[in-house]
Amino acid sequence: MISETQIILRILVGAALGAVVGFERERHDQPAGLRTHMILVIGATLAMVLSVNLGYLFARPGTPADPARLAAQVISGIGFLGAGAILRYGFSVKGLTTATSLWTMAIVGMAVGAGYYLIGVVTTGLMIVVLALLNIIENRWVRTSVSRFITIEASYKKGVVKNVRHIVEEAADSVGSFNIQKSVKDKRIRIQVLARIQRDQKLEELIDTLSDINGVRTLRVE
C-alpha cells in the first residue's frame, strides 16, 4: 500500500513535472499550456496511485491483483484531450506536438504515481530538450521554409494573373496550388496560392512586390 504522505508527495512531483513542460508549451502560445499539463499529470498520477492501492485492497488468495487495469484507461482515454489540442489553420495543422506532449506527460504522471521518480524526471528533461532545443535546430537548419496561404483580391486587368504567378514562383521554393476565382460582373479576381517560402526576408519582399501590382486591393498571408 502507498501511504497518504507518499501519495501527496507523488502528486506534487507530478504537478511540478507537468508545469515544466506546460510552461514551454505556454511560451509557444499552444492551446494546451501550463494549467492543462499540470492538471493532466496530477490526474494521471492519482489514477496510477489508486490503481496500485486498489490492487492491494481487493486482492484475494488465488486472485492476483491487476494494478495496471485502471492506469491502462488513462493511456487510451487521453486521446480526446490530445485531439482537442489539434487545430487547423487554412492548409496547415497546429497542435500535433502539444497533443503528443499531453499523452507522454500522462504516462510520466503514471510513472511518478508508481514511484519511479527518477524515470519521470529524466523523461520530462528529455521532453524539454526535444521541445525547446530541437525546435531551435529545426527552425534554423531543417525547416528553413514554411507553407504560406496567400490570398489576393484585385481588379481584373489583362496580365494580372500571369504577373502574380511569375512573382510567386520567383520568390517561393515551391508552389503547391494556384487557384483563381473571377467575377465577370464586378470585374474582380481572387487568386489563392499555397507556396513554401523561406523564413528570411523573402516573405516581406514578396508582400511588397505583390502589393505594388496595379489593381491589387487586398492581400492576406496565413
C-alpha atoms as a PDB file:
ATOM      1  CA  MET A   1       0.000   0.000   0.000  1.00  0.00           C
ATOM      2  CA  ILE A   2       1.122   3.525  -0.754  1.00  0.00           C
ATOM      3  CA  SER A   3       0.721   5.805   2.254  1.00  0.00           C
ATOM      4  CA  GLU A   4      -1.207   9.075   2.056  1.00  0.00           C
ATOM      5  CA  THR A   5       2.031  11.016   2.604  1.00  0.00           C
ATOM      6  CA  GLN A   6       3.615   9.236  -0.366  1.00  0.00           C
ATOM      7  CA  ILE A   7       0.511   9.885  -2.474  1.00  0.00           C
ATOM      8  CA  ILE A   8       0.665  13.611  -1.759  1.00  0.00           C
ATOM      9  CA  LEU A   9       4.403  13.681  -2.495  1.00  0.00           C
ATOM     10  CA  ARG A  10       3.926  11.893  -5.807  1.00  0.00           C
ATOM     11  CA  ILE A  11       1.112  14.221  -6.822  1.00  0.00           C
ATOM     12  CA  LEU A  12       3.289  17.264  -6.047  1.00  0.00           C
ATOM     13  CA  VAL A  13       6.215  15.841  -8.042  1.00  0.00           C
ATOM     14  CA  GLY A  14       3.885  15.070 -10.939  1.00  0.00           C
ATOM     15  CA  ALA A  15       2.436  18.594 -10.849  1.00  0.00           C
ATOM     16  CA  ALA A  16       5.934  20.089 -10.912  1.00  0.00           C
ATOM     17  CA  LEU A  17       6.964  17.973 -13.911  1.00  0.00           C
ATOM     18  CA  GLY A  18       3.742  18.888 -15.724  1.00  0.00           C
ATOM     19  CA  ALA A  19       4.423  22.563 -15.029  1.00  0.00           C
ATOM     20  CA  VAL A  20       7.859  22.347 -16.658  1.00  0.00           C
ATOM     21  CA  VAL A  21       6.520  21.038 -19.975  1.00  0.00           C
ATOM     22  CA  GLY A  22       3.349  23.135 -19.757  1.00  0.00           C
ATOM     23  CA  PHE A  23       5.378  26.315 -19.331  1.00  0.00           C
ATOM     24  CA  GLU A  24       7.338  25.527 -22.501  1.00  0.00           C
ATOM     25  CA  ARG A  25       4.087  24.967 -24.439  1.00  0.00           C
ATOM     26  CA  GLU A  26       2.587  28.152 -22.962  1.00  0.00           C
ATOM     27  CA  ARG A  27       5.530  30.190 -24.243  1.00  0.00           C
ATOM     28  CA  HIS A  28       4.780  28.969 -27.773  1.00  0.00           C
ATOM     29  CA  ASP A  29       1.118  30.008 -27.447  1.00  0.00           C
ATOM     30  CA  GLN A  30      -0.235  26.468 -27.690  1.00  0.00           C
ATOM     31  CA  PRO A  31      -3.872  25.664 -26.833  1.00  0.00           C
ATOM     32  CA  ALA A  32      -2.791  23.258 -24.056  1.00  0.00           C
ATOM     33  CA  GLY A  33      -0.377  25.095 -21.780  1.00  0.00           C
ATOM     34  CA  LEU A  34       0.675  25.318 -18.142  1.00  0.00           C
ATOM     35  CA  ARG A  35      -2.590  24.545 -16.353  1.00  0.00           C
ATOM     36  CA  THR A  36      -3.652  21.826 -18.777  1.00  0.00           C
ATOM     37  CA  HIS A  37      -0.381  19.909 -18.434  1.00  0.00           C
ATOM     38  CA  MET A  38      -0.312  20.290 -14.651  1.00  0.00           C
ATOM     39  CA  ILE A  39      -3.895  19.080 -14.193  1.00  0.00           C
ATOM     40  CA  LEU A  40      -3.309  16.222 -16.607  1.00  0.00           C
ATOM     41  CA  VAL A  41      -0.232  14.928 -14.789  1.00  0.00           C
ATOM     42  CA  ILE A  42      -1.905  15.325 -11.393  1.00  0.00           C
ATOM     43  CA  GLY A  43      -4.845  13.251 -12.616  1.00  0.00           C
ATOM     44  CA  ALA A  44      -2.613  10.604 -14.223  1.00  0.00           C
ATOM     45  CA  THR A  45      -0.503  10.353 -11.068  1.00  0.00           C
ATOM     46  CA  LEU A  46      -3.568   9.933  -8.890  1.00  0.00           C
ATOM     47  CA  ALA A  47      -5.002   7.325 -11.272  1.00  0.00           C
ATOM     48  CA  MET A  48      -1.792   5.297 -11.062  1.00  0.00           C
ATOM     49  CA  VAL A  49      -1.638   5.538  -7.257  1.00  0.00           C
ATOM     50  CA  LEU A  50      -5.256   4.442  -6.957  1.00  0.00           C
ATOM     51  CA  SER A  51      -4.645   1.616  -9.404  1.00  0.00           C
ATOM     52  CA  VAL A  52      -1.800   0.286  -7.266  1.00  0.00           C
ATOM     53  CA  ASN A  53      -3.652   0.700  -3.965  1.00  0.00           C
ATOM     54  CA  LEU A  54      -6.910  -0.794  -5.231  1.00  0.00           C
ATOM     55  CA  GLY A  55      -4.949  -3.777  -6.428  1.00  0.00           C
ATOM     56  CA  TYR A  56      -3.732  -4.346  -2.868  1.00  0.00           C
ATOM     57  CA  LEU A  57      -7.144  -3.702  -1.294  1.00  0.00           C
ATOM     58  CA  PHE A  58      -9.126  -6.109  -3.408  1.00  0.00           C
ATOM     59  CA  ALA A  59      -6.522  -8.827  -3.957  1.00  0.00           C
ATOM     60  CA  ARG A  60      -7.679 -12.248  -2.809  1.00  0.00           C
ATOM     61  CA  PRO A  61      -5.828 -15.572  -2.447  1.00  0.00           C
ATOM     62  CA  GLY A  62      -5.729 -17.213  -5.863  1.00  0.00           C
ATOM     63  CA  THR A  63      -6.905 -13.983  -7.490  1.00  0.00           C
ATOM     64  CA  PRO A  64      -3.868 -11.819  -8.189  1.00  0.00           C
ATOM     65  CA  ALA A  65      -4.352  -8.071  -8.325  1.00  0.00           C
ATOM     66  CA  ASP A  66      -4.039  -6.166 -11.589  1.00  0.00           C
ATOM     67  CA  PRO A  67      -2.617  -2.706 -10.780  1.00  0.00           C
ATOM     68  CA  ALA A  68      -2.429  -1.807 -14.464  1.00  0.00           C
ATOM     69  CA  ARG A  69      -6.153  -2.018 -15.193  1.00  0.00           C
ATOM     70  CA  LEU A  70      -7.142   1.477 -14.074  1.00  0.00           C
ATOM     71  CA  ALA A  71      -3.928   3.043 -15.373  1.00  0.00           C
ATOM     72  CA  ALA A  72      -4.462   1.488 -18.816  1.00  0.00           C
ATOM     73  CA  GLN A  73      -7.626   3.555 -19.235  1.00  0.00           C
ATOM     74  CA  VAL A  74      -5.578   6.736 -18.834  1.00  0.00           C
ATOM     75  CA  ILE A  75      -3.424   5.862 -21.847  1.00  0.00           C
ATOM     76  CA  SER A  76      -6.408   5.171 -24.092  1.00  0.00           C
ATOM     77  CA  GLY A  77      -8.616   7.928 -22.658  1.00  0.00           C
ATOM     78  CA  ILE A  78      -6.112  10.759 -23.044  1.00  0.00           C
ATOM     79  CA  GLY A  79      -6.749  10.734 -26.797  1.00  0.00           C
ATOM     80  CA  PHE A  80      -9.795  13.010 -26.531  1.00  0.00           C
ATOM     81  CA  LEU A  81      -7.742  15.712 -24.808  1.00  0.00           C
ATOM     82  CA  GLY A  82      -4.953  15.450 -27.369  1.00  0.00           C
ATOM     83  CA  ALA A  83      -7.487  15.733 -30.198  1.00  0.00           C
ATOM     84  CA  GLY A  84      -8.746  18.989 -28.703  1.00  0.00           C
ATOM     85  CA  ALA A  85      -5.251  20.465 -28.905  1.00  0.00           C
ATOM     86  CA  ILE A  86      -5.008  19.860 -32.664  1.00  0.00           C
ATOM     87  CA  LEU A  87      -6.224  22.848 -34.663  1.00  0.00           C
ATOM     88  CA  ARG A  88      -6.336  23.546 -38.375  1.00  0.00           C
ATOM     89  CA  TYR A  89      -5.244  26.889 -39.797  1.00  0.00           C
ATOM     90  CA  GLY A  90      -6.020  27.029 -43.522  1.00  0.00           C
ATOM     91  CA  PHE A  91      -3.922  24.283 -45.110  1.00  0.00           C
ATOM     92  CA  SER A  92      -1.697  23.756 -42.072  1.00  0.00           C
ATOM     93  CA  VAL A  93      -2.295  21.806 -38.862  1.00  0.00           C
ATOM     94  CA  LYS A  94      -1.124  23.068 -35.484  1.00  0.00           C
ATOM     95  CA  GLY A  95      -1.030  21.275 -32.152  1.00  0.00           C
ATOM     96  CA  LEU A  96       0.230  17.800 -33.042  1.00  0.00           C
ATOM     97  CA  THR A  97       3.346  18.278 -30.901  1.00  0.00           C
ATOM     98  CA  THR A  98       1.250  19.511 -27.975  1.00  0.00           C
ATOM     99  CA  ALA A  99      -1.078  16.524 -28.336  1.00  0.00           C
ATOM    100  CA  THR A 100       1.864  14.131 -28.125  1.00  0.00           C
ATOM    101  CA  SER A 101       3.316  16.024 -25.152  1.00  0.00           C
ATOM    102  CA  LEU A 102      -0.015  15.648 -23.336  1.00  0.00           C
ATOM    103  CA  TRP A 103      -0.064  11.912 -23.969  1.00  0.00           C
ATOM    104  CA  THR A 104       3.556  11.482 -22.882  1.00  0.00           C
ATOM    105  CA  MET A 105       3.109  13.597 -19.747  1.00  0.00           C
ATOM    106  CA  ALA A 106       0.131  11.448 -18.771  1.00  0.00           C
ATOM    107  CA  ILE A 107       2.476   8.458 -18.801  1.00  0.00           C
ATOM    108  CA  VAL A 108       5.063  10.471 -16.844  1.00  0.00           C
ATOM    109  CA  GLY A 109       2.376  11.060 -14.227  1.00  0.00           C
ATOM    110  CA  MET A 110       1.669   7.345 -14.115  1.00  0.00           C
ATOM    111  CA  ALA A 111       5.386   6.613 -13.686  1.00  0.00           C
ATOM    112  CA  VAL A 112       5.601   9.056 -10.777  1.00  0.00           C
ATOM    113  CA  GLY A 113       2.420   7.566  -9.319  1.00  0.00           C
ATOM    114  CA  ALA A 114       4.066   4.151  -9.416  1.00  0.00           C
ATOM    115  CA  GLY A 115       7.078   5.551  -7.574  1.00  0.00           C
ATOM    116  CA  TYR A 116       9.519   5.951 -10.480  1.00  0.00           C
ATOM    117  CA  TYR A 117      10.610   9.487  -9.626  1.00  0.00           C
ATOM    118  CA  LEU A 118      13.926   9.407 -11.471  1.00  0.00           C
ATOM    119  CA  ILE A 119      12.323   7.991 -14.625  1.00  0.00           C
ATOM    120  CA  GLY A 120       9.694  10.739 -14.551  1.00  0.00           C
ATOM    121  CA  VAL A 121      12.280  13.495 -14.068  1.00  0.00           C
ATOM    122  CA  VAL A 122      14.579  12.169 -16.808  1.00  0.00           C
ATOM    123  CA  THR A 123      11.666  11.771 -19.235  1.00  0.00           C
ATOM    124  CA  THR A 124      10.488  15.322 -18.527  1.00  0.00           C
ATOM    125  CA  GLY A 125      14.011  16.658 -19.042  1.00  0.00           C
ATOM    126  CA  LEU A 126      14.283  14.793 -22.342  1.00  0.00           C
ATOM    127  CA  MET A 127      10.947  16.222 -23.470  1.00  0.00           C
ATOM    128  CA  ILE A 128      12.133  19.758 -22.729  1.00  0.00           C
ATOM    129  CA  VAL A 129      15.243  19.099 -24.834  1.00  0.00           C
ATOM    130  CA  VAL A 130      13.100  17.800 -27.694  1.00  0.00           C
ATOM    131  CA  LEU A 131      10.524  20.606 -27.467  1.00  0.00           C
ATOM    132  CA  ALA A 132      12.884  23.548 -26.951  1.00  0.00           C
ATOM    133  CA  LEU A 133      16.343  22.679 -28.262  1.00  0.00           C
ATOM    134  CA  LEU A 134      15.276  20.635 -31.283  1.00  0.00           C
ATOM    135  CA  ASN A 135      12.723  23.304 -32.167  1.00  0.00           C
ATOM    136  CA  ILE A 136      15.556  25.820 -32.477  1.00  0.00           C
ATOM    137  CA  ILE A 137      17.581  23.384 -34.605  1.00  0.00           C
ATOM    138  CA  GLU A 138      14.584  22.687 -36.853  1.00  0.00           C
ATOM    139  CA  ASN A 139      13.816  26.362 -37.407  1.00  0.00           C
ATOM    140  CA  ARG A 140      17.428  27.231 -38.147  1.00  0.00           C
ATOM    141  CA  TRP A 141      18.681  24.311 -40.234  1.00  0.00           C
ATOM    142  CA  VAL A 142      15.892  21.850 -41.055  1.00  0.00           C
ATOM    143  CA  ARG A 143      12.661  23.791 -41.591  1.00  0.00           C
ATOM    144  CA  THR A 144      14.112  26.787 -43.410  1.00  0.00           C
ATOM    145  CA  SER A 145      10.879  27.342 -45.337  1.00  0.00           C
ATOM    146  CA  VAL A 146       7.219  27.228 -44.290  1.00  0.00           C
ATOM    147  CA  SER A 147       3.918  26.856 -46.140  1.00  0.00           C
ATOM    148  CA  ARG A 148       2.030  30.107 -46.632  1.00  0.00           C
ATOM    149  CA  PHE A 149      -1.512  30.571 -47.917  1.00  0.00           C
ATOM    150  CA  ILE A 150      -1.692  33.799 -49.900  1.00  0.00           C
ATOM    151  CA  THR A 151      -4.993  35.396 -50.933  1.00  0.00           C
ATOM    152  CA  ILE A 152      -5.015  38.307 -53.391  1.00  0.00           C
ATOM    153  CA  GLU A 153      -8.083  40.268 -54.435  1.00  0.00           C
ATOM    154  CA  ALA A 154      -7.662  42.649 -57.354  1.00  0.00           C
ATOM    155  CA  SER A 155      -9.452  44.452 -60.140  1.00  0.00           C
ATOM    156  CA  TYR A 156      -9.257  42.262 -63.206  1.00  0.00           C
ATOM    157  CA  LYS A 157      -6.828  43.512 -65.798  1.00  0.00           C
ATOM    158  CA  LYS A 158      -5.079  41.710 -68.589  1.00  0.00           C
ATOM    159  CA  GLY A 159      -1.859  40.085 -67.412  1.00  0.00           C
ATOM    160  CA  VAL A 160      -2.511  40.388 -63.665  1.00  0.00           C
ATOM    161  CA  VAL A 161      -2.728  36.601 -63.148  1.00  0.00           C
ATOM    162  CA  LYS A 162       0.434  35.970 -65.137  1.00  0.00           C
ATOM    163  CA  ASN A 163       2.218  38.688 -63.170  1.00  0.00           C
ATOM    164  CA  VAL A 164       1.189  37.241 -59.796  1.00  0.00           C
ATOM    165  CA  ARG A 165       2.170  33.711 -60.825  1.00  0.00           C
ATOM    166  CA  HIS A 166       5.604  34.874 -62.005  1.00  0.00           C
ATOM    167  CA  ILE A 167       6.298  36.855 -58.806  1.00  0.00           C
ATOM    168  CA  VAL A 168       5.249  33.983 -56.513  1.00  0.00           C
ATOM    169  CA  GLU A 169       7.236  31.367 -58.433  1.00  0.00           C
ATOM    170  CA  GLU A 170      10.330  33.562 -58.283  1.00  0.00           C
ATOM    171  CA  ALA A 171      10.088  34.045 -54.505  1.00  0.00           C
ATOM    172  CA  ALA A 172       8.875  30.587 -53.401  1.00  0.00           C
ATOM    173  CA  ASP A 173      10.763  27.322 -53.090  1.00  0.00           C
ATOM    174  CA  SER A 174       7.706  25.533 -54.458  1.00  0.00           C
ATOM    175  CA  VAL A 175       4.078  26.301 -55.307  1.00  0.00           C
ATOM    176  CA  GLY A 176       1.523  23.771 -54.096  1.00  0.00           C
ATOM    177  CA  SER A 177      -1.647  25.201 -55.617  1.00  0.00           C
ATOM    178  CA  PHE A 178      -2.731  28.223 -57.642  1.00  0.00           C
ATOM    179  CA  ASN A 179      -6.495  28.849 -57.684  1.00  0.00           C
ATOM    180  CA  ILE A 180      -8.349  31.635 -59.489  1.00  0.00           C
ATOM    181  CA  GLN A 181     -11.873  32.946 -58.983  1.00  0.00           C
ATOM    182  CA  LYS A 182     -13.119  35.618 -61.379  1.00  0.00           C
ATOM    183  CA  SER A 183     -16.244  37.748 -61.078  1.00  0.00           C
ATOM    184  CA  VAL A 184     -17.232  38.806 -64.609  1.00  0.00           C
ATOM    185  CA  LYS A 185     -19.938  41.163 -63.374  1.00  0.00           C
ATOM    186  CA  ASP A 186     -17.755  43.104 -60.910  1.00  0.00           C
ATOM    187  CA  LYS A 187     -14.565  42.670 -62.933  1.00  0.00           C
ATOM    188  CA  ARG A 188     -12.760  41.427 -59.858  1.00  0.00           C
ATOM    189  CA  ILE A 189     -10.493  38.456 -59.375  1.00  0.00           C
ATOM    190  CA  ARG A 190      -9.358  36.422 -56.394  1.00  0.00           C
ATOM    191  CA  ILE A 191      -6.131  34.441 -56.512  1.00  0.00           C
ATOM    192  CA  GLN A 192      -5.275  31.892 -53.802  1.00  0.00           C
ATOM    193  CA  VAL A 193      -1.776  30.447 -53.683  1.00  0.00           C
ATOM    194  CA  LEU A 194      -0.236  27.811 -51.413  1.00  0.00           C
ATOM    195  CA  ALA A 195       3.556  28.084 -51.503  1.00  0.00           C
ATOM    196  CA  ARG A 196       6.621  27.248 -49.428  1.00  0.00           C
ATOM    197  CA  ILE A 197       8.628  30.391 -48.712  1.00  0.00           C
ATOM    198  CA  GLN A 198      11.922  30.939 -46.890  1.00  0.00           C
ATOM    199  CA  ARG A 199      11.768  32.258 -43.320  1.00  0.00           C
ATOM    200  CA  ASP A 200      14.101  35.150 -44.098  1.00  0.00           C
ATOM    201  CA  GLN A 201      13.249  38.456 -45.793  1.00  0.00           C
ATOM    202  CA  LYS A 202      11.770  36.767 -48.880  1.00  0.00           C
ATOM    203  CA  LEU A 203       8.253  36.853 -47.433  1.00  0.00           C
ATOM    204  CA  GLU A 204       8.420  40.584 -46.730  1.00  0.00           C
ATOM    205  CA  GLU A 205       9.831  41.216 -50.196  1.00  0.00           C
ATOM    206  CA  LEU A 206       7.094  39.095 -51.763  1.00  0.00           C
ATOM    207  CA  ILE A 207       4.368  41.042 -49.926  1.00  0.00           C
ATOM    208  CA  ASP A 208       5.846  44.363 -51.053  1.00  0.00           C
ATOM    209  CA  THR A 209       6.143  43.204 -54.673  1.00  0.00           C
ATOM    210  CA  LEU A 210       2.596  41.819 -54.813  1.00  0.00           C
ATOM    211  CA  SER A 211       1.216  44.983 -53.205  1.00  0.00           C
ATOM    212  CA  ASP A 212       2.810  47.077 -55.958  1.00  0.00           C
ATOM    213  CA  ILE A 213       0.888  45.274 -58.710  1.00  0.00           C
ATOM    214  CA  ASN A 214      -1.572  47.638 -60.331  1.00  0.00           C
ATOM    215  CA  GLY A 215      -5.147  46.791 -59.298  1.00  0.00           C
ATOM    216  CA  VAL A 216      -4.424  44.806 -56.120  1.00  0.00           C
ATOM    217  CA  ARG A 217      -6.975  45.737 -53.432  1.00  0.00           C
ATOM    218  CA  THR A 218      -6.356  43.299 -50.606  1.00  0.00           C
ATOM    219  CA  LEU A 219      -3.549  40.899 -49.734  1.00  0.00           C
ATOM    220  CA  ARG A 220      -3.672  38.314 -46.952  1.00  0.00           C
ATOM    221  CA  VAL A 221      -0.926  35.882 -45.921  1.00  0.00           C
ATOM    222  CA  GLU A 222      -1.612  32.980 -43.499  1.00  0.00           C
END
